[in-house]
């Protein structure tokens, strides 16, 4: 780990076409993960997040400033680290820089309307994903998931979300709250749905980090594909057990959230619909 970004790191963060994930902690002390592709490094010791739609993560990081982040570029290099939110502004050079990016400058519906600033605590350099271990771990997960179903036919994940988790090309990341109060964020790309209520993954890829998640911990798992379709779930991690001679971790889902704009919201448990009331007088 290091405490600063190099010029090459900052340059790699500039394109809008990248994966940016921010893990934070909600007011109930539970992990939350958001896709924020506007993440950038304006200088060696800071990060910025451009806000263009209203989700939960920006509220959460203002009440609890501890965050963990992952940036993944299109050539499958990945940066990871921790940072702390400090303030938000709606003007200044970073605000102007964001709104000069074609993705936001020529967007008919929204541009960047606020910039959040974070102090960098530590970061890795850009490292290539261990693709051979990820692919093998995903194949072994697919082989074992039929032996790890929940045994319940009552559906939690919608078919769309279950299919998203089972796409071998989709990216998945697991988060929990660490002992120091900072969220932890680990790639778990091999993760798949055993059924609509349970996620499983073998530990061949990123196994050292996954094995440090305590049994019984509430975790969040974020999944997205290259079409930028995504879903966030939370549930209980039941640790690892042996299945067909392999070490397999399981997560039983208790909460599902749609984080895709324009309609962010909780999917499960289902939220009762309320009528829209005309308040004009």
C-alpha atoms as a PDB file:
ATOM      1  CA  UNK A   1       0.000   0.000   0.000  1.00  0.00           C
ATOM      2  CA  UNK A   2       1.041   3.617  -0.572  1.00  0.00           C
ATOM      3  CA  UNK A   3      -0.371   6.955   0.541  1.00  0.00           C
ATOM      4  CA  UNK A   4      -0.384   8.813  -2.792  1.00  0.00           C
ATOM      5  CA  UNK A   5      -1.360   8.471  -6.440  1.00  0.00           C
ATOM      6  CA  UNK A   6       1.305   8.639  -9.133  1.00  0.00           C
ATOM      7  CA  UNK A   7       0.885  10.640 -12.327  1.00  0.00           C
ATOM      8  CA  UNK A   8       0.122   7.355 -14.114  1.00  0.00           C
ATOM      9  CA  UNK A   9      -2.580   6.523 -11.551  1.00  0.00           C
ATOM     10  CA  UNK A  10      -4.252   9.918 -11.952  1.00  0.00           C
ATOM     11  CA  UNK A  11      -4.135   9.602 -15.739  1.00  0.00           C
ATOM     12  CA  UNK A  12      -5.727   6.139 -15.599  1.00  0.00           C
ATOM     13  CA  UNK A  13      -8.671   7.522 -13.599  1.00  0.00           C
ATOM     14  CA  UNK A  14      -9.493  10.259 -16.121  1.00  0.00           C
ATOM     15  CA  UNK A  15     -11.628   8.357 -18.690  1.00  0.00           C
ATOM     16  CA  UNK A  16     -15.345   8.184 -17.985  1.00  0.00           C
ATOM     17  CA  UNK A  17     -15.274   4.670 -19.437  1.00  0.00           C
ATOM     18  CA  UNK A  18     -14.180   2.761 -16.326  1.00  0.00           C
ATOM     19  CA  UNK A  19     -15.629   0.958 -13.334  1.00  0.00           C
ATOM     20  CA  UNK A  20     -15.617   2.950 -10.107  1.00  0.00           C
ATOM     21  CA  UNK A  21     -17.027   1.461  -6.915  1.00  0.00           C
ATOM     22  CA  UNK A  22     -17.391   3.099  -3.524  1.00  0.00           C
ATOM     23  CA  UNK A  23     -18.229   1.125  -0.386  1.00  0.00           C
ATOM     24  CA  UNK A  24     -19.597   3.027   2.596  1.00  0.00           C
ATOM     25  CA  UNK A  25     -21.515   2.363   5.824  1.00  0.00           C
ATOM     26  CA  UNK A  26     -25.198   3.218   6.235  1.00  0.00           C
ATOM     27  CA  UNK A  27     -26.741   4.684   9.427  1.00  0.00           C
ATOM     28  CA  UNK A  28     -27.545   1.149  10.645  1.00  0.00           C
ATOM     29  CA  UNK A  29     -23.866   0.197  10.454  1.00  0.00           C
ATOM     30  CA  UNK A  30     -24.348  -1.999   7.378  1.00  0.00           C
ATOM     31  CA  UNK A  31     -22.245  -2.016   4.184  1.00  0.00           C
ATOM     32  CA  UNK A  32     -23.452  -0.290   1.028  1.00  0.00           C
ATOM     33  CA  UNK A  33     -21.792  -0.299  -2.419  1.00  0.00           C
ATOM     34  CA  UNK A  34     -22.385   2.118  -5.301  1.00  0.00           C
ATOM     35  CA  UNK A  35     -21.187   2.353  -8.883  1.00  0.00           C
ATOM     36  CA  UNK A  36     -19.617   5.820  -9.284  1.00  0.00           C
ATOM     37  CA  UNK A  37     -17.772   5.971 -12.605  1.00  0.00           C
ATOM     38  CA  UNK A  38     -17.048   9.673 -12.084  1.00  0.00           C
ATOM     39  CA  UNK A  39     -14.398   8.880  -9.465  1.00  0.00           C
ATOM     40  CA  UNK A  40     -11.153  10.747 -10.237  1.00  0.00           C
ATOM     41  CA  UNK A  41      -7.872  11.735  -8.588  1.00  0.00           C
ATOM     42  CA  UNK A  42      -7.307  15.491  -9.083  1.00  0.00           C
ATOM     43  CA  UNK A  43      -3.947  15.341  -7.287  1.00  0.00           C
ATOM     44  CA  UNK A  44      -1.774  12.712  -5.538  1.00  0.00           C
ATOM     45  CA  UNK A  45      -3.609  12.773  -2.198  1.00  0.00           C
ATOM     46  CA  UNK A  46      -7.290  13.329  -3.021  1.00  0.00           C
ATOM     47  CA  UNK A  47     -10.258  11.742  -4.782  1.00  0.00           C
ATOM     48  CA  UNK A  48     -13.353  13.400  -6.206  1.00  0.00           C
ATOM     49  CA  UNK A  49     -16.795  11.986  -6.936  1.00  0.00           C
ATOM     50  CA  UNK A  50     -19.064  13.763  -9.393  1.00  0.00           C
ATOM     51  CA  UNK A  51     -22.732  13.634  -8.407  1.00  0.00           C
ATOM     52  CA  UNK A  52     -25.293  13.612 -11.214  1.00  0.00           C
ATOM     53  CA  UNK A  53     -28.189  11.670  -9.706  1.00  0.00           C
ATOM     54  CA  UNK A  54     -29.528  11.200  -6.192  1.00  0.00           C
ATOM     55  CA  UNK A  55     -28.786   7.824  -4.598  1.00  0.00           C
ATOM     56  CA  UNK A  56     -28.043   6.716  -1.074  1.00  0.00           C
ATOM     57  CA  UNK A  57     -24.249   6.617  -1.096  1.00  0.00           C
ATOM     58  CA  UNK A  58     -23.688  10.398  -1.082  1.00  0.00           C
ATOM     59  CA  UNK A  59     -25.957  10.719   1.960  1.00  0.00           C
ATOM     60  CA  UNK A  60     -24.197   7.889   3.740  1.00  0.00           C
ATOM     61  CA  UNK A  61     -20.647   9.151   3.222  1.00  0.00           C
ATOM     62  CA  UNK A  62     -21.583  12.553   4.602  1.00  0.00           C
ATOM     63  CA  UNK A  63     -22.820  10.984   7.840  1.00  0.00           C
ATOM     64  CA  UNK A  64     -20.003   8.396   7.993  1.00  0.00           C
ATOM     65  CA  UNK A  65     -16.980   9.581   5.962  1.00  0.00           C
ATOM     66  CA  UNK A  66     -15.069   6.253   5.899  1.00  0.00           C
ATOM     67  CA  UNK A  67     -15.052   4.690   2.410  1.00  0.00           C
ATOM     68  CA  UNK A  68     -13.301   1.971   0.476  1.00  0.00           C
ATOM     69  CA  UNK A  69     -12.938   2.197  -3.299  1.00  0.00           C
ATOM     70  CA  UNK A  70     -12.067   0.176  -6.368  1.00  0.00           C
ATOM     71  CA  UNK A  71     -11.254   1.609  -9.784  1.00  0.00           C
ATOM     72  CA  UNK A  72     -11.033  -0.794 -12.725  1.00  0.00           C
ATOM     73  CA  UNK A  73      -9.989   0.379 -16.186  1.00  0.00           C
ATOM     74  CA  UNK A  74     -11.023  -1.155 -19.482  1.00  0.00           C
ATOM     75  CA  UNK A  75      -7.702  -3.040 -19.738  1.00  0.00           C
ATOM     76  CA  UNK A  76      -8.630  -4.864 -16.478  1.00  0.00           C
ATOM     77  CA  UNK A  77      -6.189  -3.068 -14.207  1.00  0.00           C
ATOM     78  CA  UNK A  78      -7.485  -2.446 -10.713  1.00  0.00           C
ATOM     79  CA  UNK A  79      -6.718   0.099  -7.989  1.00  0.00           C
ATOM     80  CA  UNK A  80      -7.998  -0.377  -4.454  1.00  0.00           C
ATOM     81  CA  UNK A  81      -7.824   1.768  -1.359  1.00  0.00           C
ATOM     82  CA  UNK A  82      -9.378   3.690   1.515  1.00  0.00           C
ATOM     83  CA  UNK A  83     -10.351   7.350   1.731  1.00  0.00           C
ATOM     84  CA  UNK A  84     -12.286   9.766   3.912  1.00  0.00           C
ATOM     85  CA  UNK A  85     -14.952  12.216   2.740  1.00  0.00           C
ATOM     86  CA  UNK A  86     -14.302  15.843   3.694  1.00  0.00           C
ATOM     87  CA  UNK A  87     -16.691  18.206   1.873  1.00  0.00           C
ATOM     88  CA  UNK A  88     -18.884  18.871  -1.166  1.00  0.00           C
ATOM     89  CA  UNK A  89     -18.881  21.854  -3.566  1.00  0.00           C
ATOM     90  CA  UNK A  90     -20.963  23.027  -6.523  1.00  0.00           C
ATOM     91  CA  UNK A  91     -18.303  25.217  -8.056  1.00  0.00           C
ATOM     92  CA  UNK A  92     -14.580  25.320  -8.644  1.00  0.00           C
ATOM     93  CA  UNK A  93     -12.084  23.796 -11.085  1.00  0.00           C
ATOM     94  CA  UNK A  94     -13.102  20.165 -10.475  1.00  0.00           C
ATOM     95  CA  UNK A  95     -16.783  21.044 -10.990  1.00  0.00           C
ATOM     96  CA  UNK A  96     -15.925  22.729 -14.306  1.00  0.00           C
ATOM     97  CA  UNK A  97     -13.682  19.860 -15.337  1.00  0.00           C
ATOM     98  CA  UNK A  98     -16.450  17.308 -14.807  1.00  0.00           C
ATOM     99  CA  UNK A  99     -18.958  19.293 -16.805  1.00  0.00           C
ATOM    100  CA  UNK A 100     -16.530  19.623 -19.699  1.00  0.00           C
ATOM    101  CA  UNK A 101     -16.457  15.819 -20.083  1.00  0.00           C
ATOM    102  CA  UNK A 102     -18.603  14.952 -23.143  1.00  0.00           C
ATOM    103  CA  UNK A 103     -20.638  12.362 -21.187  1.00  0.00           C
ATOM    104  CA  UNK A 104     -21.962  15.131 -18.927  1.00  0.00           C
ATOM    105  CA  UNK A 105     -21.576  18.230 -21.080  1.00  0.00           C
ATOM    106  CA  UNK A 106     -23.841  16.912 -23.835  1.00  0.00           C
ATOM    107  CA  UNK A 107     -26.246  14.959 -21.654  1.00  0.00           C
ATOM    108  CA  UNK A 108     -29.761  16.258 -22.230  1.00  0.00           C
ATOM    109  CA  UNK A 109     -31.070  15.226 -18.830  1.00  0.00           C
ATOM    110  CA  UNK A 110     -28.325  15.795 -16.269  1.00  0.00           C
ATOM    111  CA  UNK A 111     -24.805  17.005 -15.712  1.00  0.00           C
ATOM    112  CA  UNK A 112     -22.617  17.001 -12.649  1.00  0.00           C
ATOM    113  CA  UNK A 113     -24.274  19.271 -10.079  1.00  0.00           C
ATOM    114  CA  UNK A 114     -21.968  18.629  -7.088  1.00  0.00           C
ATOM    115  CA  UNK A 115     -18.440  17.372  -6.446  1.00  0.00           C
ATOM    116  CA  UNK A 116     -17.528  15.401  -3.330  1.00  0.00           C
ATOM    117  CA  UNK A 117     -13.952  15.558  -2.053  1.00  0.00           C
ATOM    118  CA  UNK A 118     -12.119  12.797  -0.185  1.00  0.00           C
ATOM    119  CA  UNK A 119      -8.701  12.562   1.426  1.00  0.00           C
ATOM    120  CA  UNK A 120      -6.740   9.521   0.308  1.00  0.00           C
ATOM    121  CA  UNK A 121      -5.613   7.270   3.167  1.00  0.00           C
ATOM    122  CA  UNK A 122      -3.979   4.426   1.238  1.00  0.00           C
ATOM    123  CA  UNK A 123      -4.052   2.819  -2.194  1.00  0.00           C
ATOM    124  CA  UNK A 124      -2.540   0.035  -4.228  1.00  0.00           C
ATOM    125  CA  UNK A 125      -0.954   0.520  -7.619  1.00  0.00           C
ATOM    126  CA  UNK A 126      -2.801  -0.603 -10.719  1.00  0.00           C
ATOM    127  CA  UNK A 127      -2.584  -4.415 -10.792  1.00  0.00           C
ATOM    128  CA  UNK A 128      -3.915  -6.781 -13.436  1.00  0.00           C
ATOM    129  CA  UNK A 129      -6.797  -9.029 -12.465  1.00  0.00           C
ATOM    130  CA  UNK A 130      -5.743 -12.678 -11.908  1.00  0.00           C
ATOM    131  CA  UNK A 131      -7.963 -13.817 -14.771  1.00  0.00           C
ATOM    132  CA  UNK A 132      -6.867 -17.472 -14.855  1.00  0.00           C
ATOM    133  CA  UNK A 133      -7.755 -17.944 -11.164  1.00  0.00           C
ATOM    134  CA  UNK A 134     -11.017 -15.991 -11.576  1.00  0.00           C
ATOM    135  CA  UNK A 135     -12.133 -18.089 -14.560  1.00  0.00           C
ATOM    136  CA  UNK A 136     -11.280 -21.368 -12.841  1.00  0.00           C
ATOM    137  CA  UNK A 137     -12.985 -20.254  -9.622  1.00  0.00           C
ATOM    138  CA  UNK A 138     -16.107 -19.253 -11.579  1.00  0.00           C
ATOM    139  CA  UNK A 139     -16.246 -22.629 -13.316  1.00  0.00           C
ATOM    140  CA  UNK A 140     -15.848 -24.466 -10.001  1.00  0.00           C
ATOM    141  CA  UNK A 141     -18.579 -22.286  -8.478  1.00  0.00           C
ATOM    142  CA  UNK A 142     -20.903 -23.223 -11.338  1.00  0.00           C
ATOM    143  CA  UNK A 143     -20.054 -26.893 -10.792  1.00  0.00           C
ATOM    144  CA  UNK A 144     -20.926 -26.822  -7.082  1.00  0.00           C
ATOM    145  CA  UNK A 145     -23.879 -24.430  -6.892  1.00  0.00           C
ATOM    146  CA  UNK A 146     -26.454 -27.154  -7.481  1.00  0.00           C
ATOM    147  CA  UNK A 147     -25.405 -28.680  -4.149  1.00  0.00           C
ATOM    148  CA  UNK A 148     -25.796 -25.373  -2.266  1.00  0.00           C
ATOM    149  CA  UNK A 149     -29.384 -24.292  -2.883  1.00  0.00           C
ATOM    150  CA  UNK A 150     -31.440 -22.823  -0.044  1.00  0.00           C
ATOM    151  CA  UNK A 151     -34.196 -25.421  -0.314  1.00  0.00           C
ATOM    152  CA  UNK A 152     -36.898 -22.736  -0.476  1.00  0.00           C
ATOM    153  CA  UNK A 153     -39.050 -21.956  -3.485  1.00  0.00           C
ATOM    154  CA  UNK A 154     -40.065 -18.530  -2.201  1.00  0.00           C
ATOM    155  CA  UNK A 155     -38.318 -16.111  -4.538  1.00  0.00           C
ATOM    156  CA  UNK A 156     -36.212 -13.154  -3.414  1.00  0.00           C
ATOM    157  CA  UNK A 157     -34.114 -12.216  -6.459  1.00  0.00           C
ATOM    158  CA  UNK A 158     -36.135 -11.361  -9.539  1.00  0.00           C
ATOM    159  CA  UNK A 159     -35.224 -13.478 -12.602  1.00  0.00           C
ATOM    160  CA  UNK A 160     -33.302 -10.513 -14.058  1.00  0.00           C
ATOM    161  CA  UNK A 161     -31.089 -10.200 -10.962  1.00  0.00           C
ATOM    162  CA  UNK A 162     -30.568 -13.948 -10.624  1.00  0.00           C
ATOM    163  CA  UNK A 163     -29.492 -14.101 -14.276  1.00  0.00           C
ATOM    164  CA  UNK A 164     -27.147 -11.137 -13.732  1.00  0.00           C
ATOM    165  CA  UNK A 165     -25.344 -12.964 -10.927  1.00  0.00           C
ATOM    166  CA  UNK A 166     -25.037 -16.053 -13.095  1.00  0.00           C
ATOM    167  CA  UNK A 167     -23.451 -14.265 -16.050  1.00  0.00           C
ATOM    168  CA  UNK A 168     -19.846 -15.473 -16.063  1.00  0.00           C
ATOM    169  CA  UNK A 169     -18.742 -12.158 -17.589  1.00  0.00           C
ATOM    170  CA  UNK A 170     -20.415 -10.048 -14.892  1.00  0.00           C
ATOM    171  CA  UNK A 171     -18.351  -8.377 -12.172  1.00  0.00           C
ATOM    172  CA  UNK A 172     -19.177  -8.882  -8.496  1.00  0.00           C
ATOM    173  CA  UNK A 173     -17.750  -7.342  -5.351  1.00  0.00           C
ATOM    174  CA  UNK A 174     -18.370  -8.135  -1.680  1.00  0.00           C
ATOM    175  CA  UNK A 175     -18.250  -5.633   1.166  1.00  0.00           C
ATOM    176  CA  UNK A 176     -18.439  -5.819   4.941  1.00  0.00           C
ATOM    177  CA  UNK A 177     -17.633  -3.415   7.754  1.00  0.00           C
ATOM    178  CA  UNK A 178     -14.126  -3.971   9.053  1.00  0.00           C
ATOM    179  CA  UNK A 179     -12.923  -3.853  12.657  1.00  0.00           C
ATOM    180  CA  UNK A 180     -11.654  -0.275  12.313  1.00  0.00           C
ATOM    181  CA  UNK A 181     -15.056   0.958  11.116  1.00  0.00           C
ATOM    182  CA  UNK A 182     -13.953   1.215   7.483  1.00  0.00           C
ATOM    183  CA  UNK A 183     -15.840  -0.852   4.917  1.00  0.00           C
ATOM    184  CA  UNK A 184     -13.906  -3.632   3.212  1.00  0.00           C
ATOM    185  CA  UNK A 185     -14.357  -4.176  -0.539  1.00  0.00           C
ATOM    186  CA  UNK A 186     -13.118  -7.364  -2.242  1.00  0.00           C
ATOM    187  CA  UNK A 187     -13.626  -8.645  -5.809  1.00  0.00           C
ATOM    188  CA  UNK A 188     -15.657 -11.856  -5.831  1.00  0.00           C
ATOM    189  CA  UNK A 189     -16.203 -12.108  -9.571  1.00  0.00           C
ATOM    190  CA  UNK A 190     -16.760 -15.880  -9.324  1.00  0.00           C
ATOM    191  CA  UNK A 191     -19.914 -15.354  -7.202  1.00  0.00           C
ATOM    192  CA  UNK A 192     -23.122 -16.888  -8.585  1.00  0.00           C
ATOM    193  CA  UNK A 193     -26.709 -17.519  -7.517  1.00  0.00           C
ATOM    194  CA  UNK A 194     -27.382 -21.057  -6.286  1.00  0.00           C
ATOM    195  CA  UNK A 195     -31.029 -19.986  -6.411  1.00  0.00           C
ATOM    196  CA  UNK A 196     -32.979 -16.760  -5.893  1.00  0.00           C
ATOM    197  CA  UNK A 197     -32.220 -16.727  -2.139  1.00  0.00           C
ATOM    198  CA  UNK A 198     -28.565 -17.748  -1.892  1.00  0.00           C
ATOM    199  CA  UNK A 199     -25.256 -16.672  -3.450  1.00  0.00           C
ATOM    200  CA  UNK A 200     -22.168 -18.885  -3.434  1.00  0.00           C
ATOM    201  CA  UNK A 201     -18.512 -18.607  -4.432  1.00  0.00           C
ATOM    202  CA  UNK A 202     -15.418 -20.763  -4.314  1.00  0.00           C
ATOM    203  CA  UNK A 203     -12.284 -19.303  -2.769  1.00  0.00           C
ATOM    204  CA  UNK A 204      -9.689 -19.915  -5.464  1.00  0.00           C
ATOM    205  CA  UNK A 205      -9.605 -16.228  -6.450  1.00  0.00           C
ATOM    206  CA  UNK A 206      -9.047 -13.638  -3.679  1.00  0.00           C
ATOM    207  CA  UNK A 207      -9.392 -16.475  -1.169  1.00  0.00           C
ATOM    208  CA  UNK A 208      -7.056 -14.967   1.425  1.00  0.00           C
ATOM    209  CA  UNK A 209      -9.221 -11.862   1.746  1.00  0.00           C
ATOM    210  CA  UNK A 210     -12.547 -13.687   1.518  1.00  0.00           C
ATOM    211  CA  UNK A 211     -11.495 -16.091   4.278  1.00  0.00           C
ATOM    212  CA  UNK A 212     -11.030 -13.139   6.660  1.00  0.00           C
ATOM    213  CA  UNK A 213     -14.748 -12.243   6.544  1.00  0.00           C
ATOM    214  CA  UNK A 214     -16.162 -13.535   9.855  1.00  0.00           C
ATOM    215  CA  UNK A 215     -18.936 -16.101   9.735  1.00  0.00           C
ATOM    216  CA  UNK A 216     -22.287 -14.503  10.544  1.00  0.00           C
ATOM    217  CA  UNK A 217     -21.273 -11.088   9.172  1.00  0.00           C
ATOM    218  CA  UNK A 218     -23.752  -8.988   7.192  1.00  0.00           C
ATOM    219  CA  UNK A 219     -22.242  -8.433   3.754  1.00  0.00           C
ATOM    220  CA  UNK A 220     -23.251  -6.508   0.643  1.00  0.00           C
ATOM    221  CA  UNK A 221     -22.595  -7.924  -2.830  1.00  0.00           C
ATOM    222  CA  UNK A 222     -22.740  -5.681  -5.884  1.00  0.00           C
ATOM    223  CA  UNK A 223     -23.067  -7.197  -9.368  1.00  0.00           C
ATOM    224  CA  UNK A 224     -22.862  -5.472 -12.740  1.00  0.00           C
ATOM    225  CA  UNK A 225     -22.286  -6.418 -16.348  1.00  0.00           C
ATOM    226  CA  UNK A 226     -20.714  -4.583 -19.248  1.00  0.00           C
ATOM    227  CA  UNK A 227     -24.092  -3.060 -20.160  1.00  0.00           C
ATOM    228  CA  UNK A 228     -23.907  -1.276 -16.786  1.00  0.00           C
ATOM    229  CA  UNK A 229     -26.903  -3.245 -15.515  1.00  0.00           C
ATOM    230  CA  UNK A 230     -26.429  -3.769 -11.803  1.00  0.00           C
ATOM    231  CA  UNK A 231     -28.000  -4.847  -8.535  1.00  0.00           C
ATOM    232  CA  UNK A 232     -26.999  -4.682  -4.873  1.00  0.00           C
ATOM    233  CA  UNK A 233     -27.923  -7.290  -2.263  1.00  0.00           C
ATOM    234  CA  UNK A 234     -27.254  -7.683   1.442  1.00  0.00           C
ATOM    235  CA  UNK A 235     -27.329 -10.862   3.449  1.00  0.00           C
ATOM    236  CA  UNK A 236     -25.616 -13.077   6.003  1.00  0.00           C
ATOM    237  CA  UNK A 237     -22.287 -14.709   5.190  1.00  0.00           C
ATOM    238  CA  UNK A 238     -22.331 -18.270   6.544  1.00  0.00           C
ATOM    239  CA  UNK A 239     -18.636 -18.921   6.124  1.00  0.00           C
ATOM    240  CA  UNK A 240     -16.971 -21.618   4.039  1.00  0.00           C
ATOM    241  CA  UNK A 241     -17.746 -25.312   3.912  1.00  0.00           C
ATOM    242  CA  UNK A 242     -16.489 -28.232   1.860  1.00  0.00           C
ATOM    243  CA  UNK A 243     -18.547 -29.122  -1.216  1.00  0.00           C
ATOM    244  CA  UNK A 244     -17.173 -31.729  -3.619  1.00  0.00           C
ATOM    245  CA  UNK A 245     -13.799 -31.220  -1.958  1.00  0.00           C
ATOM    246  CA  UNK A 246     -13.884 -27.451  -2.608  1.00  0.00           C
ATOM    247  CA  UNK A 247     -14.097 -24.558  -0.139  1.00  0.00           C
ATOM    248  CA  UNK A 248     -17.395 -22.803  -0.868  1.00  0.00           C
ATOM    249  CA  UNK A 249     -18.755 -19.649   0.779  1.00  0.00           C
ATOM    250  CA  UNK A 250     -22.476 -18.924   0.986  1.00  0.00           C
ATOM    251  CA  UNK A 251     -24.534 -15.761   1.517  1.00  0.00           C
ATOM    252  CA  UNK A 252     -28.252 -15.891   2.285  1.00  0.00           C
ATOM    253  CA  UNK A 253     -29.974 -12.818   0.838  1.00  0.00           C
ATOM    254  CA  UNK A 254     -32.209 -10.628   3.020  1.00  0.00           C
ATOM    255  CA  UNK A 255     -32.312  -7.323   1.092  1.00  0.00           C
ATOM    256  CA  UNK A 256     -32.205  -6.303  -2.583  1.00  0.00           C
ATOM    257  CA  UNK A 257     -31.728  -2.796  -3.967  1.00  0.00           C
ATOM    258  CA  UNK A 258     -31.966  -1.393  -7.490  1.00  0.00           C
ATOM    259  CA  UNK A 259     -29.131   1.104  -7.826  1.00  0.00           C
ATOM    260  CA  UNK A 260     -29.694   1.879 -11.513  1.00  0.00           C
ATOM    261  CA  UNK A 261     -30.961   5.373 -12.386  1.00  0.00           C
ATOM    262  CA  UNK A 262     -33.405   6.906 -12.735  1.00  0.00           C
ATOM    263  CA  UNK A 263     -35.441   4.952 -10.136  1.00  0.00           C
ATOM    264  CA  UNK A 264     -33.219   3.835  -7.260  1.00  0.00           C
ATOM    265  CA  UNK A 265     -35.050   1.875  -4.613  1.00  0.00           C
ATOM    266  CA  UNK A 266     -35.491  -1.167  -2.437  1.00  0.00           C
ATOM    267  CA  UNK A 267     -36.837  -4.230  -4.227  1.00  0.00           C
ATOM    268  CA  UNK A 268     -36.903  -6.745  -1.372  1.00  0.00           C
ATOM    269  CA  UNK A 269     -38.469  -6.759   1.141  1.00  0.00           C
ATOM    270  CA  UNK A 270     -41.114  -5.249  -1.066  1.00  0.00           C
ATOM    271  CA  UNK A 271     -42.064  -1.689  -0.218  1.00  0.00           C
ATOM    272  CA  UNK A 272     -45.796  -0.980  -0.118  1.00  0.00           C
ATOM    273  CA  UNK A 273     -46.858   1.431  -2.827  1.00  0.00           C
ATOM    274  CA  UNK A 274     -48.517   4.645  -1.723  1.00  0.00           C
ATOM    275  CA  UNK A 275     -50.757   6.828  -3.885  1.00  0.00           C
ATOM    276  CA  UNK A 276     -49.463  10.070  -5.338  1.00  0.00           C
ATOM    277  CA  UNK A 277     -51.439  12.937  -3.836  1.00  0.00           C
ATOM    278  CA  UNK A 278     -51.952  16.224  -5.678  1.00  0.00           C
ATOM    279  CA  UNK A 279     -50.860  18.918  -3.235  1.00  0.00           C
ATOM    280  CA  UNK A 280     -51.667  21.878  -5.486  1.00  0.00           C
ATOM    281  CA  UNK A 281     -54.278  24.203  -4.078  1.00  0.00           C
END
